[in-house]
Every structure is written in C-alpha cells, then in structure tokens.
Amino acid sequence: EQIEGVKYDELVEIQMQNGEIRHGQVLEVSKDKA
C-alpha cells in the first residue's frame, strides 16, 4: 500500500527480514495499492 507511480507488469525486488532478495511482478494497481 501507499505506493506512487507504480505500473502494471513492473518488476519488483522483495527484501526479507534476513536480507534475502526475492523477485516479483506487479499484477494489478488500484489507486495507492499494488
């Protein structure tokens, strides 16, 4: 939530609490939620 300027199909980096990096993709954007 509380996102700005995010687009559909955009690539995402997810950093977990232990520092591990995972990847994702934006499936849907609605107002300030992705």
ModelCIF file with pLDDT and N, C-alpha, C, O atoms, coordinates in Angstrom:
data_MODEL
#
_entry.id   MODEL 
#
_entity.id                         1 
_entity.type                       polymer 
_entity.pdbx_number_of_molecules   1 
#
_entity_poly.entity_id                      1 
_entity_poly.type                           'polypeptide(L)' 
_entity_poly.nstd_linkage                   no 
_entity_poly.nstd_monomer                   no 
_entity_poly.pdbx_seq_one_letter_code       EQIEGVKYDELVEIQMQNGEIRHGQVLEVSKDKA 
_entity_poly.pdbx_seq_one_letter_code_can   EQIEGVKYDELVEIQMQNGEIRHGQVLEVSKDKA 
_entity_poly.pdbx_strand_id                 A 
#
loop_
_entity_poly_seq.entity_id 
_entity_poly_seq.num 
_entity_poly_seq.mon_id 
_entity_poly_seq.hetero 
1 1  GLU n 
1 2  GLN n 
1 3  ILE n 
1 4  GLU n 
1 5  GLY n 
1 6  VAL n 
1 7  LYS n 
1 8  TYR n 
1 9  ASP n 
1 10 GLU n 
1 11 LEU n 
1 12 VAL n 
1 13 GLU n 
1 14 ILE n 
1 15 GLN n 
1 16 MET n 
1 17 GLN n 
1 18 ASN n 
1 19 GLY n 
1 20 GLU n 
1 21 ILE n 
1 22 ARG n 
1 23 HIS n 
1 24 GLY n 
1 25 GLN n 
1 26 VAL n 
1 27 LEU n 
1 28 GLU n 
1 29 VAL n 
1 30 SER n 
1 31 LYS n 
1 32 ASP n 
1 33 LYS n 
1 34 ALA n 
#
_struct_asym.id          A 
_struct_asym.entity_id   1 
#
loop_
_ma_qa_metric.id 
_ma_qa_metric.mode 
_ma_qa_metric.name 
_ma_qa_metric.software_group_id 
_ma_qa_metric.type 
1 global pLDDT . pLDDT 
2 local  pLDDT . pLDDT 
#
_ma_qa_metric_global.metric_id      1 
_ma_qa_metric_global.metric_value   89.82 
_ma_qa_metric_global.model_id       1 
_ma_qa_metric_global.ordinal_id     1 
#
loop_
_ma_qa_metric_local.label_asym_id 
_ma_qa_metric_local.label_comp_id 
_ma_qa_metric_local.label_seq_id 
_ma_qa_metric_local.metric_id 
_ma_qa_metric_local.metric_value 
_ma_qa_metric_local.model_id 
_ma_qa_metric_local.ordinal_id 
A GLU 1  2 93.00 1 1  
A GLN 2  2 92.00 1 2  
A ILE 3  2 92.00 1 3  
A GLU 4  2 90.00 1 4  
A GLY 5  2 88.00 1 5  
A VAL 6  2 90.00 1 6  
A LYS 7  2 90.00 1 7  
A TYR 8  2 88.00 1 8  
A ASP 9  2 85.00 1 9  
A GLU 10 2 89.00 1 10 
A LEU 11 2 89.00 1 11 
A VAL 12 2 92.00 1 12 
A GLU 13 2 92.00 1 13 
A ILE 14 2 92.00 1 14 
A GLN 15 2 92.00 1 15 
A MET 16 2 89.00 1 16 
A GLN 17 2 88.00 1 17 
A ASN 18 2 88.00 1 18 
A GLY 19 2 87.00 1 19 
A GLU 20 2 89.00 1 20 
A ILE 21 2 90.00 1 21 
A ARG 22 2 90.00 1 22 
A HIS 23 2 88.00 1 23 
A GLY 24 2 88.00 1 24 
A GLN 25 2 89.00 1 25 
A VAL 26 2 92.00 1 26 
A LEU 27 2 89.00 1 27 
A GLU 28 2 89.00 1 28 
A VAL 29 2 92.00 1 29 
A SER 30 2 89.00 1 30 
A LYS 31 2 87.00 1 31 
A ASP 32 2 90.00 1 32 
A LYS 33 2 93.00 1 33 
A ALA 34 2 93.00 1 34 
#
loop_
_atom_site.group_PDB 
_atom_site.id 
_atom_site.type_symbol 
_atom_site.label_atom_id 
_atom_site.label_alt_id 
_atom_site.label_comp_id 
_atom_site.label_asym_id 
_atom_site.label_entity_id 
_atom_site.label_seq_id 
_atom_site.pdbx_PDB_ins_code 
_atom_site.Cartn_x 
_atom_site.Cartn_y 
_atom_site.Cartn_z 
_atom_site.occupancy 
_atom_site.B_iso_or_equiv 
_atom_site.pdbx_formal_charge 
_atom_site.auth_seq_id 
_atom_site.auth_comp_id 
_atom_site.auth_asym_id 
_atom_site.auth_atom_id 
_atom_site.pdbx_PDB_model_num 
ATOM 1   N N  . GLU A 1 1  ? 0.832  -1.215  0.000   1.00 93.00 ? 1  GLU A N  1 
ATOM 2   C CA . GLU A 1 1  ? 0.000  0.000   0.000   1.00 93.00 ? 1  GLU A CA 1 
ATOM 3   C C  . GLU A 1 1  ? 0.865  1.263   0.000   1.00 93.00 ? 1  GLU A C  1 
ATOM 4   O O  . GLU A 1 1  ? 2.086  1.212   0.145   1.00 93.00 ? 1  GLU A O  1 
ATOM 5   N N  . GLN A 1 2  ? 0.165  2.423   -0.172  1.00 92.00 ? 2  GLN A N  1 
ATOM 6   C CA . GLN A 1 2  ? 0.787  3.755   -0.143  1.00 92.00 ? 2  GLN A CA 1 
ATOM 7   C C  . GLN A 1 2  ? 1.891  3.901   -1.210  1.00 92.00 ? 2  GLN A C  1 
ATOM 8   O O  . GLN A 1 2  ? 2.951  4.473   -0.953  1.00 92.00 ? 2  GLN A O  1 
ATOM 9   N N  . ILE A 1 3  ? 1.617  3.378   -2.389  1.00 92.00 ? 3  ILE A N  1 
ATOM 10  C CA . ILE A 1 3  ? 2.619  3.417   -3.466  1.00 92.00 ? 3  ILE A CA 1 
ATOM 11  C C  . ILE A 1 3  ? 2.386  4.624   -4.368  1.00 92.00 ? 3  ILE A C  1 
ATOM 12  O O  . ILE A 1 3  ? 1.316  5.232   -4.344  1.00 92.00 ? 3  ILE A O  1 
ATOM 13  N N  . GLU A 1 4  ? 3.389  4.961   -5.156  1.00 90.00 ? 4  GLU A N  1 
ATOM 14  C CA . GLU A 1 4  ? 3.284  6.078   -6.111  1.00 90.00 ? 4  GLU A CA 1 
ATOM 15  C C  . GLU A 1 4  ? 3.940  5.686   -7.424  1.00 90.00 ? 4  GLU A C  1 
ATOM 16  O O  . GLU A 1 4  ? 5.033  5.119   -7.433  1.00 90.00 ? 4  GLU A O  1 
ATOM 17  N N  . GLY A 1 5  ? 3.272  5.989   -8.538  1.00 88.00 ? 5  GLY A N  1 
ATOM 18  C CA . GLY A 1 5  ? 3.880  5.828   -9.861  1.00 88.00 ? 5  GLY A CA 1 
ATOM 19  C C  . GLY A 1 5  ? 4.213  4.411   -10.266 1.00 88.00 ? 5  GLY A C  1 
ATOM 20  O O  . GLY A 1 5  ? 5.047  4.207   -11.148 1.00 88.00 ? 5  GLY A O  1 
ATOM 21  N N  . VAL A 1 6  ? 3.582  3.416   -9.642  1.00 90.00 ? 6  VAL A N  1 
ATOM 22  C CA . VAL A 1 6  ? 3.866  2.015   -9.983  1.00 90.00 ? 6  VAL A CA 1 
ATOM 23  C C  . VAL A 1 6  ? 3.008  1.600   -11.176 1.00 90.00 ? 6  VAL A C  1 
ATOM 24  O O  . VAL A 1 6  ? 1.841  1.981   -11.263 1.00 90.00 ? 6  VAL A O  1 
ATOM 25  N N  . LYS A 1 7  ? 3.584  0.815   -12.101 1.00 90.00 ? 7  LYS A N  1 
ATOM 26  C CA . LYS A 1 7  ? 2.878  0.421   -13.324 1.00 90.00 ? 7  LYS A CA 1 
ATOM 27  C C  . LYS A 1 7  ? 2.658  -1.091  -13.373 1.00 90.00 ? 7  LYS A C  1 
ATOM 28  O O  . LYS A 1 7  ? 3.385  -1.866  -12.751 1.00 90.00 ? 7  LYS A O  1 
ATOM 29  N N  . TYR A 1 8  ? 1.632  -1.486  -14.133 1.00 88.00 ? 8  TYR A N  1 
ATOM 30  C CA . TYR A 1 8  ? 1.306  -2.905  -14.354 1.00 88.00 ? 8  TYR A CA 1 
ATOM 31  C C  . TYR A 1 8  ? 2.504  -3.621  -14.993 1.00 88.00 ? 8  TYR A C  1 
ATOM 32  O O  . TYR A 1 8  ? 3.183  -3.048  -15.845 1.00 88.00 ? 8  TYR A O  1 
ATOM 33  N N  . ASP A 1 9  ? 2.764  -4.862  -14.588 1.00 85.00 ? 9  ASP A N  1 
ATOM 34  C CA . ASP A 1 9  ? 3.826  -5.726  -15.137 1.00 85.00 ? 9  ASP A CA 1 
ATOM 35  C C  . ASP A 1 9  ? 5.237  -5.329  -14.712 1.00 85.00 ? 9  ASP A C  1 
ATOM 36  O O  . ASP A 1 9  ? 6.215  -5.912  -15.179 1.00 85.00 ? 9  ASP A O  1 
ATOM 37  N N  . GLU A 1 10 ? 5.343  -4.329  -13.816 1.00 89.00 ? 10 GLU A N  1 
ATOM 38  C CA . GLU A 1 10 ? 6.662  -3.862  -13.382 1.00 89.00 ? 10 GLU A CA 1 
ATOM 39  C C  . GLU A 1 10 ? 7.358  -4.936  -12.536 1.00 89.00 ? 10 GLU A C  1 
ATOM 40  O O  . GLU A 1 10 ? 6.711  -5.686  -11.805 1.00 89.00 ? 10 GLU A O  1 
ATOM 41  N N  . LEU A 1 11 ? 8.671  -4.990  -12.651 1.00 89.00 ? 11 LEU A N  1 
ATOM 42  C CA . LEU A 1 11 ? 9.462  -5.934  -11.872 1.00 89.00 ? 11 LEU A CA 1 
ATOM 43  C C  . LEU A 1 11 ? 9.633  -5.408  -10.442 1.00 89.00 ? 11 LEU A C  1 
ATOM 44  O O  . LEU A 1 11 ? 9.763  -4.204  -10.222 1.00 89.00 ? 11 LEU A O  1 
ATOM 45  N N  . VAL A 1 12 ? 9.629  -6.337  -9.471  1.00 92.00 ? 12 VAL A N  1 
ATOM 46  C CA . VAL A 1 12 ? 9.672  -5.938  -8.055  1.00 92.00 ? 12 VAL A CA 1 
ATOM 47  C C  . VAL A 1 12 ? 10.803 -6.694  -7.346  1.00 92.00 ? 12 VAL A C  1 
ATOM 48  O O  . VAL A 1 12 ? 11.029 -7.875  -7.613  1.00 92.00 ? 12 VAL A O  1 
ATOM 49  N N  . GLU A 1 13 ? 11.502 -6.013  -6.453  1.00 92.00 ? 13 GLU A N  1 
ATOM 50  C CA . GLU A 1 13 ? 12.511 -6.640  -5.580  1.00 92.00 ? 13 GLU A CA 1 
ATOM 51  C C  . GLU A 1 13 ? 11.942 -6.690  -4.173  1.00 92.00 ? 13 GLU A C  1 
ATOM 52  O O  . GLU A 1 13 ? 11.485 -5.671  -3.654  1.00 92.00 ? 13 GLU A O  1 
ATOM 53  N N  . ILE A 1 14 ? 11.963 -7.857  -3.550  1.00 92.00 ? 14 ILE A N  1 
ATOM 54  C CA . ILE A 1 14 ? 11.418 -8.001  -2.193  1.00 92.00 ? 14 ILE A CA 1 
ATOM 55  C C  . ILE A 1 14 ? 12.574 -8.406  -1.275  1.00 92.00 ? 14 ILE A C  1 
ATOM 56  O O  . ILE A 1 14 ? 13.157 -9.477  -1.441  1.00 92.00 ? 14 ILE A O  1 
ATOM 57  N N  . GLN A 1 15 ? 12.898 -7.550  -0.313  1.00 92.00 ? 15 GLN A N  1 
ATOM 58  C CA . GLN A 1 15 ? 13.982 -7.860  0.628   1.00 92.00 ? 15 GLN A CA 1 
ATOM 59  C C  . GLN A 1 15 ? 13.368 -8.345  1.925   1.00 92.00 ? 15 GLN A C  1 
ATOM 60  O O  . GLN A 1 15 ? 12.627 -7.621  2.590   1.00 92.00 ? 15 GLN A O  1 
ATOM 61  N N  . MET A 1 16 ? 13.690 -9.592  2.279   1.00 89.00 ? 16 MET A N  1 
ATOM 62  C CA . MET A 1 16 ? 13.127 -10.178 3.502   1.00 89.00 ? 16 MET A CA 1 
ATOM 63  C C  . MET A 1 16 ? 13.916 -9.741  4.731   1.00 89.00 ? 16 MET A C  1 
ATOM 64  O O  . MET A 1 16 ? 14.976 -9.121  4.630   1.00 89.00 ? 16 MET A O  1 
ATOM 65  N N  . GLN A 1 17 ? 13.364 -10.084 5.897   1.00 88.00 ? 17 GLN A N  1 
ATOM 66  C CA . GLN A 1 17 ? 13.969 -9.651  7.165   1.00 88.00 ? 17 GLN A CA 1 
ATOM 67  C C  . GLN A 1 17 ? 15.396 -10.173 7.361   1.00 88.00 ? 17 GLN A C  1 
ATOM 68  O O  . GLN A 1 17 ? 16.184 -9.576  8.094   1.00 88.00 ? 17 GLN A O  1 
ATOM 69  N N  . ASN A 1 18 ? 15.729 -11.304 6.694   1.00 88.00 ? 18 ASN A N  1 
ATOM 70  C CA . ASN A 1 18 ? 17.080 -11.873 6.837   1.00 88.00 ? 18 ASN A CA 1 
ATOM 71  C C  . ASN A 1 18 ? 18.033 -11.399 5.727   1.00 88.00 ? 18 ASN A C  1 
ATOM 72  O O  . ASN A 1 18 ? 19.151 -11.898 5.604   1.00 88.00 ? 18 ASN A O  1 
ATOM 73  N N  . GLY A 1 19 ? 17.576 -10.436 4.928   1.00 87.00 ? 19 GLY A N  1 
ATOM 74  C CA . GLY A 1 19 ? 18.422 -9.889  3.860   1.00 87.00 ? 19 GLY A CA 1 
ATOM 75  C C  . GLY A 1 19 ? 18.270 -10.589 2.521   1.00 87.00 ? 19 GLY A C  1 
ATOM 76  O O  . GLY A 1 19 ? 18.770 -10.106 1.506   1.00 87.00 ? 19 GLY A O  1 
ATOM 77  N N  . GLU A 1 20 ? 17.568 -11.751 2.512   1.00 89.00 ? 20 GLU A N  1 
ATOM 78  C CA . GLU A 1 20 ? 17.373 -12.493 1.246   1.00 89.00 ? 20 GLU A CA 1 
ATOM 79  C C  . GLU A 1 20 ? 16.536 -11.656 0.267   1.00 89.00 ? 20 GLU A C  1 
ATOM 80  O O  . GLU A 1 20 ? 15.562 -11.014 0.659   1.00 89.00 ? 20 GLU A O  1 
ATOM 81  N N  . ILE A 1 21 ? 16.931 -11.674 -1.001  1.00 90.00 ? 21 ILE A N  1 
ATOM 82  C CA . ILE A 1 21 ? 16.188 -10.919 -2.027  1.00 90.00 ? 21 ILE A CA 1 
ATOM 83  C C  . ILE A 1 21 ? 15.350 -11.893 -2.853  1.00 90.00 ? 21 ILE A C  1 
ATOM 84  O O  . ILE A 1 21 ? 15.865 -12.883 -3.373  1.00 90.00 ? 21 ILE A O  1 
ATOM 85  N N  . ARG A 1 22 ? 14.058 -11.601 -2.967  1.00 90.00 ? 22 ARG A N  1 
ATOM 86  C CA . ARG A 1 22 ? 13.190 -12.344 -3.876  1.00 90.00 ? 22 ARG A CA 1 
ATOM 87  C C  . ARG A 1 22 ? 12.663 -11.389 -4.940  1.00 90.00 ? 22 ARG A C  1 
ATOM 88  O O  . ARG A 1 22 ? 12.785 -10.170 -4.818  1.00 90.00 ? 22 ARG A O  1 
ATOM 89  N N  . HIS A 1 23 ? 12.080 -11.959 -5.973  1.00 88.00 ? 23 HIS A N  1 
ATOM 90  C CA . HIS A 1 23 ? 11.608 -11.116 -7.077  1.00 88.00 ? 23 HIS A CA 1 
ATOM 91  C C  . HIS A 1 23 ? 10.126 -11.337 -7.320  1.00 88.00 ? 23 HIS A C  1 
ATOM 92  O O  . HIS A 1 23 ? 9.568  -12.380 -6.980  1.00 88.00 ? 23 HIS A O  1 
ATOM 93  N N  . GLY A 1 24 ? 9.513  -10.347 -7.907  1.00 88.00 ? 24 GLY A N  1 
ATOM 94  C CA . GLY A 1 24 ? 8.084  -10.447 -8.193  1.00 88.00 ? 24 GLY A CA 1 
ATOM 95  C C  . GLY A 1 24 ? 7.713  -9.550  -9.363  1.00 88.00 ? 24 GLY A C  1 
ATOM 96  O O  . GLY A 1 24 ? 8.561  -8.921  -9.996  1.00 88.00 ? 24 GLY A O  1 
ATOM 97  N N  . GLN A 1 25 ? 6.400  -9.517  -9.625  1.00 89.00 ? 25 GLN A N  1 
ATOM 98  C CA . GLN A 1 25 ? 5.896  -8.743  -10.750 1.00 89.00 ? 25 GLN A CA 1 
ATOM 99  C C  . GLN A 1 25 ? 4.552  -8.140  -10.354 1.00 89.00 ? 25 GLN A C  1 
ATOM 100 O O  . GLN A 1 25 ? 3.756  -8.785  -9.671  1.00 89.00 ? 25 GLN A O  1 
ATOM 101 N N  . VAL A 1 26 ? 4.301  -6.914  -10.780 1.00 92.00 ? 26 VAL A N  1 
ATOM 102 C CA . VAL A 1 26 ? 3.031  -6.248  -10.433 1.00 92.00 ? 26 VAL A CA 1 
ATOM 103 C C  . VAL A 1 26 ? 1.917  -6.837  -11.296 1.00 92.00 ? 26 VAL A C  1 
ATOM 104 O O  . VAL A 1 26 ? 1.972  -6.806  -12.526 1.00 92.00 ? 26 VAL A O  1 
ATOM 105 N N  . LEU A 1 27 ? 0.900  -7.376  -10.612 1.00 89.00 ? 27 LEU A N  1 
ATOM 106 C CA . LEU A 1 27 ? -0.247 -7.967  -11.313 1.00 89.00 ? 27 LEU A CA 1 
ATOM 107 C C  . LEU A 1 27 ? -1.381 -6.968  -11.482 1.00 89.00 ? 27 LEU A C  1 
ATOM 108 O O  . LEU A 1 27 ? -2.139 -7.026  -12.450 1.00 89.00 ? 27 LEU A O  1 
ATOM 109 N N  . GLU A 1 28 ? -1.485 -6.055  -10.528 1.00 89.00 ? 28 GLU A N  1 
ATOM 110 C CA . GLU A 1 28 ? -2.645 -5.169  -10.507 1.00 89.00 ? 28 GLU A CA 1 
ATOM 111 C C  . GLU A 1 28 ? -2.284 -3.906  -9.730  1.00 89.00 ? 28 GLU A C  1 
ATOM 112 O O  . GLU A 1 28 ? -1.594 -3.970  -8.713  1.00 89.00 ? 28 GLU A O  1 
ATOM 113 N N  . VAL A 1 29 ? -2.758 -2.756  -10.218 1.00 92.00 ? 29 VAL A N  1 
ATOM 114 C CA . VAL A 1 29 ? -2.557 -1.490  -9.500  1.00 92.00 ? 29 VAL A CA 1 
ATOM 115 C C  . VAL A 1 29 ? -3.915 -0.821  -9.343  1.00 92.00 ? 29 VAL A C  1 
ATOM 116 O O  . VAL A 1 29 ? -4.644 -0.650  -10.320 1.00 92.00 ? 29 VAL A O  1 
ATOM 117 N N  . SER A 1 30 ? -4.256 -0.442  -8.109  1.00 89.00 ? 30 SER A N  1 
ATOM 118 C CA . SER A 1 30 ? -5.523 0.236   -7.856  1.00 89.00 ? 30 SER A CA 1 
ATOM 119 C C  . SER A 1 30 ? -5.279 1.381   -6.872  1.00 89.00 ? 30 SER A C  1 
ATOM 120 O O  . SER A 1 30 ? -5.003 1.150   -5.695  1.00 89.00 ? 30 SER A O  1 
ATOM 121 N N  . LYS A 1 31 ? -5.383 2.610   -7.365  1.00 87.00 ? 31 LYS A N  1 
ATOM 122 C CA . LYS A 1 31 ? -5.110 3.822   -6.556  1.00 87.00 ? 31 LYS A CA 1 
ATOM 123 C C  . LYS A 1 31 ? -3.721 3.718   -5.929  1.00 87.00 ? 31 LYS A C  1 
ATOM 124 O O  . LYS A 1 31 ? -2.719 3.755   -6.643  1.00 87.00 ? 31 LYS A O  1 
ATOM 125 N N  . ASP A 1 32 ? -3.651 3.588   -4.590  1.00 90.00 ? 32 ASP A N  1 
ATOM 126 C CA . ASP A 1 32 ? -2.328 3.545   -3.958  1.00 90.00 ? 32 ASP A CA 1 
ATOM 127 C C  . ASP A 1 32 ? -1.954 2.131   -3.512  1.00 90.00 ? 32 ASP A C  1 
ATOM 128 O O  . ASP A 1 32 ? -1.108 1.958   -2.634  1.00 90.00 ? 32 ASP A O  1 
ATOM 129 N N  . LYS A 1 33 ? -2.594 1.104   -4.128  1.00 93.00 ? 33 LYS A N  1 
ATOM 130 C CA . LYS A 1 33 ? -2.289 -0.295  -3.769  1.00 93.00 ? 33 LYS A CA 1 
ATOM 131 C C  . LYS A 1 33 ? -1.772 -1.051  -4.992  1.00 93.00 ? 33 LYS A C  1 
ATOM 132 O O  . LYS A 1 33 ? -2.216 -0.823  -6.117  1.00 93.00 ? 33 LYS A O  1 
ATOM 133 N N  . ALA A 1 34 ? -0.828 -1.951  -4.748  1.00 93.00 ? 34 ALA A N  1 
ATOM 134 C CA . ALA A 1 34 ? -0.335 -2.818  -5.830  1.00 93.00 ? 34 ALA A CA 1 
ATOM 135 C C  . ALA A 1 34 ? -0.392 -4.265  -5.374  1.00 93.00 ? 34 ALA A C  1 
ATOM 136 O O  . ALA A 1 34 ? -0.024 -5.165  -6.128  1.00 93.00 ? 34 ALA A O  1 
#
